[in-house]
Every structure is written in C-alpha cells, then in structure tokens.
Amino acid sequence: MSPLTKRLKVIIISDGTGETATAMSRAIMTQFPERDVYFTRYKNVRDKDQIIAIFDEAAIHHDLVIYTVVTSELRDFIGEQARLKHVRALDLIGPALTAFANYFEQEPKAQPGLLHAVNDEYYKRVEAMEFTLNHDDGRNLNSLHLADVILVGVSRTSKTPLSVYLCQHGLKVVNIPLIQGQILPEELHQVDQRKIFALTIDPEALMGIRRNRLTRLGAESHNGDYADHAKVIEEIEWANTLFSENKRWPVFNVTDKALEETAADIMKLINMRKNNIFKQQRREQQED
C-alpha cells in the first residue's frame, strides 16, 4: 500500500473532553487533504494505567498521539511512555501553560475540565437569549412555565431592554405588557408567582418617555391616550393597584434608574431566595 493511501490513526488523550485537541487536529488536517486519517479520542483520562494501555496500542500500529493534559505529573508520564515505546506524541497544552505561567509569574490551577465548564456557561447564556427573544412582548406564553424571570409592566417601563440584559446572565426571561382594560393572560396565574417581577414608573417620567418615542416616530399628532397626562396617571394607578393585589410580585420602580441597577436588584432577590431554599433543605436534612 502506498504511504499516501495508507489509513492512519491519531489518538487524542485529554483529561477533559478532548474537544480542544480534536478541533486543532481537524484544523491542521485541512492542510493535508490527501491523507486518510481517523481519530480516536480518550476523554477524562486521569489514571496512569489508562495511559499505559493507550500507548501499548499506539506502539503496535505506530499511531500519532496528541494530548491536552493540564496536570504536569500526568503530562510528564505521557512523555515518558512516548519515549519508552517509541511513539510520536505531541503536547498541545503543556508548552503554552509553561509560557503563560512564566509570563504571569504564577502557577496554573492544573484543574481538568475548566474549559468545558466555561463552554457550558456560554451555551447556557445562548439558550437563555434565544428563549428571551422568542418570548418578548408576551409571545409564546404556552412555555411561560420554563421562564426563570417574568417581567410585567405597562408600556415603556424598560421590560424588553431589561429582559435582554438579564438573559446575558443566563436567565430565561419573559416580558408581558399590561394593558388597562384587558384581562391578564391565564398562563400568568398558573406559574410560580415568585418568578413574576413587576415594573412601575412615575407618571411624569413615563409621559416624557412616551412623548419622546412619539416624536421619533413622527406621530405627535396621533398620540391618542398613549401620552395623555390624565390617561397615563390612570394607567399607572391601575397597574399599581394590580400589583398590590398580587402581593407575591415584588415591585421595582424604574424611574431614573440605570438598567444595570434594576437588573442587579432583581438578581440579588433571586439569589437570596436560592440561598434561603438551600438553607431550608439543609435544615430538613439535619432534622432527618
């Protein structure tokens, strides 16, 4: 068989998922399109016996070993096995860790799986953002129960921008506009009421925001009740009465408050509730 037609194997060893080594290897292989190569990946390798078995196999077929291992002891052992059994091996992460450690004058954590944890957090934020955008302005209420946060308030109380800000922290957010004279969605009564956060605003501030919006839209002469002084006051009073009737909904006044400030207050309350639940569970376990 010609060397170019021989099918070769690349073995990937990782103390994590091995995705980094796989991605780099495939990127490199684009430069060798004529070679027929297949990959075998060994994930979560933390034991020397595992490494010995892998190199015993690699030595038989003269495979190439690529590894991303963060613990120096295990990396050194892999290097020893490669030399002992005459197997080509490439350390993808060791030299980089050494260079960064020297630059920072600090030893690395050498803790496997950290990148995977970062990726999980990233995908969680992406999922939260998709959910939030698909549930903007009261849409898709059939999946309201999947939300982490439900924002309710009259028009122009920062529901959408606040939703987008919160979802970047991994929270699935639904925002529902409150319209005077319309019955609240039935789904709102069926979910955990602790998920609902009410937004209110001072009437004068709301009128200013709505008038500015109408000016930008060129609709000053067709504003109707939207920015009418008396109607805005009536709408805010109606919403505040609704909030007082639903005592489990914490109310946040967004007047002259930065988006980040309101978001921080909401997240603080959410974390406080989680801590209380955790403490309660611990007490129950201790009692048992």
Protein backbone atom coordinates (compact mmCIF):
# COMPACT_ATOMS: atom_id res chain seq x y z
CA MET A 1 0.00 0.00 0.00
CA SER A 2 1.30 3.46 -0.90
CA PRO A 3 2.16 5.73 2.07
CA LEU A 4 -0.35 8.24 0.75
CA THR A 5 -3.18 5.69 0.61
CA LYS A 6 -2.48 4.10 3.99
CA ARG A 7 -5.13 4.97 6.55
CA LEU A 8 -3.54 6.48 9.65
CA LYS A 9 -4.84 6.88 13.17
CA VAL A 10 -4.43 9.83 15.50
CA ILE A 11 -5.07 9.16 19.18
CA ILE A 12 -6.25 12.06 21.32
CA ILE A 13 -5.75 11.94 25.08
CA SER A 14 -7.41 14.51 27.30
CA ASP A 15 -8.14 14.93 30.98
CA GLY A 16 -11.23 16.87 29.90
CA THR A 17 -13.50 16.46 26.89
CA GLY A 18 -10.75 16.40 24.25
CA GLU A 19 -12.65 18.95 22.14
CA THR A 20 -9.70 21.37 22.03
CA ALA A 21 -7.31 18.76 20.67
CA THR A 22 -9.92 17.48 18.21
CA ALA A 23 -10.64 20.95 16.86
CA MET A 24 -6.95 21.76 16.45
CA SER A 25 -6.24 18.42 14.81
CA ARG A 26 -9.02 18.81 12.30
CA ALA A 27 -7.87 22.34 11.52
CA ILE A 28 -4.36 21.01 10.84
CA MET A 29 -5.72 18.19 8.66
CA THR A 30 -7.24 20.71 6.27
CA GLN A 31 -3.64 21.27 5.16
CA PHE A 32 -3.28 17.56 4.30
CA PRO A 33 -6.47 16.82 2.34
CA GLU A 34 -4.93 13.85 0.52
CA ARG A 35 -4.29 11.90 3.74
CA ASP A 36 -6.86 9.45 5.08
CA VAL A 37 -6.85 9.87 8.87
CA TYR A 38 -9.28 8.84 11.58
CA PHE A 39 -9.30 9.92 15.20
CA THR A 40 -9.76 8.00 18.43
CA ARG A 41 -10.47 10.16 21.43
CA TYR A 42 -9.91 9.17 25.07
CA LYS A 43 -11.69 11.62 27.40
CA ASN A 44 -11.32 12.24 31.13
CA VAL A 45 -8.02 10.36 31.33
CA ARG A 46 -6.72 10.79 34.88
CA ASP A 47 -5.01 7.45 35.56
CA LYS A 48 -1.54 6.18 34.61
CA ASP A 49 -2.84 2.68 33.89
CA GLN A 50 -5.13 4.16 31.25
CA ILE A 51 -2.17 5.91 29.64
CA ILE A 52 -0.06 2.72 29.63
CA ALA A 53 -2.86 0.82 27.85
CA ILE A 54 -3.29 3.59 25.28
CA PHE A 55 0.43 3.68 24.46
CA ASP A 56 0.61 -0.12 24.24
CA GLU A 57 -1.99 0.10 21.48
CA ALA A 58 -0.36 3.11 19.79
CA ALA A 59 3.03 1.33 19.69
CA ILE A 60 1.62 -1.63 17.75
CA HIS A 61 0.37 0.47 14.81
CA HIS A 62 2.77 3.44 15.14
CA ASP A 63 -0.09 5.84 15.77
CA LEU A 64 0.34 9.52 16.49
CA VAL A 65 -0.70 10.63 19.99
CA ILE A 66 -1.89 14.16 20.68
CA TYR A 67 -2.67 15.18 24.23
CA THR A 68 -4.14 18.06 26.21
CA VAL A 69 -3.49 17.36 29.87
CA VAL A 70 -3.22 20.17 32.43
CA THR A 71 -1.56 18.29 35.31
CA SER A 72 2.22 18.33 34.95
CA GLU A 73 2.68 14.90 36.58
CA LEU A 74 0.41 13.22 34.04
CA ARG A 75 1.98 15.14 31.14
CA ASP A 76 5.44 14.00 32.23
CA PHE A 77 4.23 10.41 32.43
CA ILE A 78 2.81 10.61 28.91
CA GLY A 79 6.16 11.92 27.69
CA GLU A 80 7.93 9.00 29.37
CA GLN A 81 5.59 6.47 27.77
CA ALA A 82 6.13 8.05 24.36
CA ARG A 83 9.91 7.81 24.67
CA LEU A 84 9.83 4.31 26.18
CA LYS A 85 7.58 2.87 23.47
CA HIS A 86 8.87 4.95 20.56
CA VAL A 87 5.52 6.59 19.85
CA ARG A 88 5.25 10.02 18.27
CA ALA A 89 3.45 12.29 20.75
CA LEU A 90 2.54 15.96 20.66
CA ASP A 91 1.79 18.01 23.78
CA LEU A 92 -0.66 20.71 22.70
CA ILE A 93 -1.14 22.47 26.01
CA GLY A 94 1.97 21.95 28.14
CA PRO A 95 4.27 24.47 26.39
CA ALA A 96 1.50 27.09 26.39
CA LEU A 97 0.85 26.58 30.10
CA THR A 98 4.54 26.97 30.84
CA ALA A 99 4.80 30.14 28.76
CA PHE A 100 1.76 31.71 30.43
CA ALA A 101 2.96 30.66 33.91
CA ASN A 102 6.32 32.31 33.28
CA TYR A 103 4.65 35.44 31.93
CA PHE A 104 2.19 35.75 34.81
CA GLU A 105 4.76 34.54 37.37
CA GLN A 106 2.04 32.27 38.68
CA GLU A 107 1.41 28.54 38.62
CA PRO A 108 -1.69 27.34 36.70
CA LYS A 109 -4.56 25.74 38.57
CA ALA A 110 -3.90 22.42 36.81
CA GLN A 111 -7.58 21.59 37.22
CA PRO A 112 -9.06 19.46 34.40
CA GLY A 113 -12.39 20.34 32.81
CA LEU A 114 -12.38 24.12 33.37
CA LEU A 115 -12.80 24.92 29.68
CA HIS A 116 -15.81 22.60 29.48
CA ALA A 117 -17.36 24.47 32.42
CA VAL A 118 -16.80 27.76 30.61
CA ASN A 119 -18.40 26.34 27.46
CA ASP A 120 -21.40 25.11 29.45
CA GLU A 121 -21.88 28.60 30.85
CA TYR A 122 -21.62 30.09 27.35
CA TYR A 123 -24.23 27.73 25.89
CA LYS A 124 -26.50 28.43 28.85
CA ARG A 125 -26.39 32.15 28.04
CA VAL A 126 -27.06 31.49 24.36
CA GLU A 127 -30.06 29.32 25.23
CA ALA A 128 -31.35 31.99 27.62
CA MET A 129 -31.01 34.67 24.96
CA GLU A 130 -32.90 32.62 22.36
CA PHE A 131 -35.66 31.91 24.86
CA THR A 132 -35.91 35.56 25.89
CA LEU A 133 -36.09 36.89 22.32
CA ASN A 134 -38.76 34.33 21.47
CA HIS A 135 -40.84 35.46 24.46
CA ASP A 136 -40.58 39.21 24.02
CA ASP A 137 -43.74 41.29 24.43
CA GLY A 138 -45.92 38.43 25.67
CA ARG A 139 -45.26 35.95 22.86
CA ASN A 140 -45.33 32.13 23.21
CA LEU A 141 -46.97 32.08 26.64
CA ASN A 142 -47.58 28.34 26.33
CA SER A 143 -43.99 27.86 27.55
CA LEU A 144 -44.19 30.53 30.26
CA HIS A 145 -43.51 27.91 32.94
CA LEU A 146 -39.97 27.45 31.58
CA ALA A 147 -39.01 31.04 32.39
CA ASP A 148 -36.71 31.98 35.25
CA VAL A 149 -37.99 35.56 35.35
CA ILE A 150 -41.30 37.07 34.21
CA LEU A 151 -41.42 40.86 33.90
CA VAL A 152 -44.78 42.64 33.87
CA GLY A 153 -45.47 46.33 33.43
CA VAL A 154 -47.21 48.92 31.27
CA SER A 155 -45.69 50.08 28.01
CA ARG A 156 -42.26 51.80 28.17
CA THR A 157 -41.18 50.53 31.58
CA SER A 158 -37.95 49.02 30.19
CA LYS A 159 -39.26 45.46 30.01
CA THR A 160 -37.51 44.45 26.78
CA PRO A 161 -34.06 46.00 27.45
CA LEU A 162 -34.14 44.63 30.98
CA SER A 163 -35.05 41.18 29.62
CA VAL A 164 -32.11 41.24 27.22
CA TYR A 165 -29.73 42.36 29.97
CA LEU A 166 -30.87 39.61 32.35
CA CYS A 167 -30.68 36.87 29.73
CA GLN A 168 -26.99 37.66 29.23
CA HIS A 169 -26.57 36.36 32.79
CA GLY A 170 -28.13 33.04 31.80
CA LEU A 171 -31.70 33.81 32.92
CA LYS A 172 -34.62 32.86 30.70
CA VAL A 173 -36.87 35.91 30.71
CA VAL A 174 -40.42 36.57 29.53
CA ASN A 175 -41.84 40.08 29.47
CA ILE A 176 -45.58 40.67 29.37
CA PRO A 177 -47.15 44.07 28.68
CA LEU A 178 -50.01 45.11 30.94
CA ILE A 179 -52.81 46.84 29.07
CA GLN A 180 -55.54 48.56 31.02
CA GLY A 181 -58.93 47.03 30.26
CA GLN A 182 -57.50 43.70 29.13
CA ILE A 183 -57.62 40.54 31.22
CA LEU A 184 -54.27 39.14 32.32
CA PRO A 185 -53.16 36.01 30.45
CA GLU A 186 -54.38 32.86 32.18
CA GLU A 187 -50.86 31.41 31.99
CA LEU A 188 -49.66 34.15 34.33
CA HIS A 189 -51.82 32.77 37.14
CA GLN A 190 -50.64 29.21 36.58
CA VAL A 191 -46.88 29.70 37.03
CA ASP A 192 -44.85 30.04 40.22
CA GLN A 193 -45.75 33.57 41.33
CA ARG A 194 -42.26 34.09 42.74
CA LYS A 195 -40.98 34.28 39.16
CA ILE A 196 -43.00 37.41 38.47
CA PHE A 197 -41.41 40.84 38.90
CA ALA A 198 -43.48 43.99 38.46
CA LEU A 199 -42.09 47.19 36.96
CA THR A 200 -43.58 50.59 37.70
CA ILE A 201 -42.58 54.17 36.96
CA ASP A 202 -43.56 57.69 37.97
CA PRO A 203 -46.27 59.15 35.68
CA GLU A 204 -44.27 62.27 34.74
CA ALA A 205 -41.27 60.19 33.72
CA LEU A 206 -43.46 57.82 31.69
CA MET A 207 -45.12 60.70 29.86
CA GLY A 208 -41.71 62.08 28.91
CA ILE A 209 -40.54 58.72 27.60
CA ARG A 210 -43.71 58.15 25.58
CA ARG A 211 -43.69 61.64 24.09
CA ASN A 212 -40.08 61.26 23.05
CA ARG A 213 -40.95 57.97 21.39
CA LEU A 214 -43.85 59.53 19.52
CA THR A 215 -41.60 62.37 18.36
CA ARG A 216 -39.04 59.89 17.00
CA LEU A 217 -41.83 58.07 15.17
CA GLY A 218 -43.26 61.34 13.84
CA ALA A 219 -46.64 60.59 15.40
CA GLU A 220 -47.11 63.51 17.81
CA SER A 221 -50.44 64.47 16.32
CA HIS A 222 -51.83 60.93 16.53
CA ASN A 223 -50.85 60.02 20.08
CA GLY A 224 -54.39 59.42 21.41
CA ASP A 225 -54.27 58.29 25.05
CA TYR A 226 -50.71 56.95 24.83
CA ALA A 227 -49.03 60.05 26.26
CA ASP A 228 -52.06 61.91 27.59
CA HIS A 229 -51.39 63.26 31.10
CA ALA A 230 -54.62 62.10 32.73
CA LYS A 231 -54.62 58.73 30.96
CA VAL A 232 -51.02 57.96 31.90
CA ILE A 233 -51.74 58.69 35.57
CA GLU A 234 -54.83 56.49 35.40
CA GLU A 235 -52.84 53.67 33.74
CA ILE A 236 -50.07 53.78 36.37
CA GLU A 237 -52.59 53.80 39.21
CA TRP A 238 -54.37 50.82 37.66
CA ALA A 239 -51.10 48.89 37.33
CA ASN A 240 -50.02 49.71 40.90
CA THR A 241 -53.41 48.55 42.21
CA LEU A 242 -52.94 45.30 40.29
CA PHE A 243 -49.51 44.85 41.85
CA SER A 244 -50.87 45.44 45.35
CA GLU A 245 -53.46 42.71 44.73
CA ASN A 246 -50.69 40.28 43.81
CA LYS A 247 -48.54 40.54 46.90
CA ARG A 248 -46.04 37.88 45.80
CA TRP A 249 -44.89 40.10 42.95
CA PRO A 250 -42.02 42.34 44.08
CA VAL A 251 -42.34 45.81 42.57
CA PHE A 252 -39.39 47.75 41.14
CA ASN A 253 -39.67 51.43 40.32
CA VAL A 254 -37.51 52.10 37.24
CA THR A 255 -37.80 55.89 37.36
CA ASP A 256 -34.39 57.44 36.61
CA LYS A 257 -32.69 54.10 37.36
CA ALA A 258 -29.98 52.60 35.20
CA LEU A 259 -30.85 49.29 33.61
CA GLU A 260 -27.96 47.60 35.42
CA GLU A 261 -29.26 48.83 38.78
CA THR A 262 -32.71 47.32 38.34
CA ALA A 263 -31.20 44.09 36.99
CA ALA A 264 -28.85 43.88 39.98
CA ASP A 265 -31.78 44.29 42.39
CA ILE A 266 -33.71 41.50 40.66
CA MET A 267 -30.73 39.12 40.59
CA LYS A 268 -29.99 39.89 44.24
CA LEU A 269 -33.53 38.87 45.19
CA ILE A 270 -33.30 35.70 43.08
CA ASN A 271 -30.00 34.70 44.72
CA MET A 272 -31.41 35.47 48.17
CA ARG A 273 -34.33 33.15 47.51
CA LYS A 274 -31.99 30.40 46.28
CA ASN A 275 -29.89 30.72 49.42
CA ASN A 276 -32.99 30.52 51.61
CA ILE A 277 -34.13 27.37 49.80
CA PHE A 278 -30.67 25.84 50.23
CA LYS A 279 -30.64 26.67 53.95
CA GLN A 280 -34.11 25.20 54.37
CA GLN A 281 -33.05 21.98 52.62
CA ARG A 282 -30.01 21.70 54.87
CA ARG A 283 -32.15 22.15 57.98
CA GLU A 284 -34.52 19.44 56.78
CA GLN A 285 -31.60 17.07 56.11
CA GLN A 286 -30.19 17.72 59.57
CA GLU A 287 -33.58 17.05 61.16
CA ASP A 288 -33.81 13.74 59.32
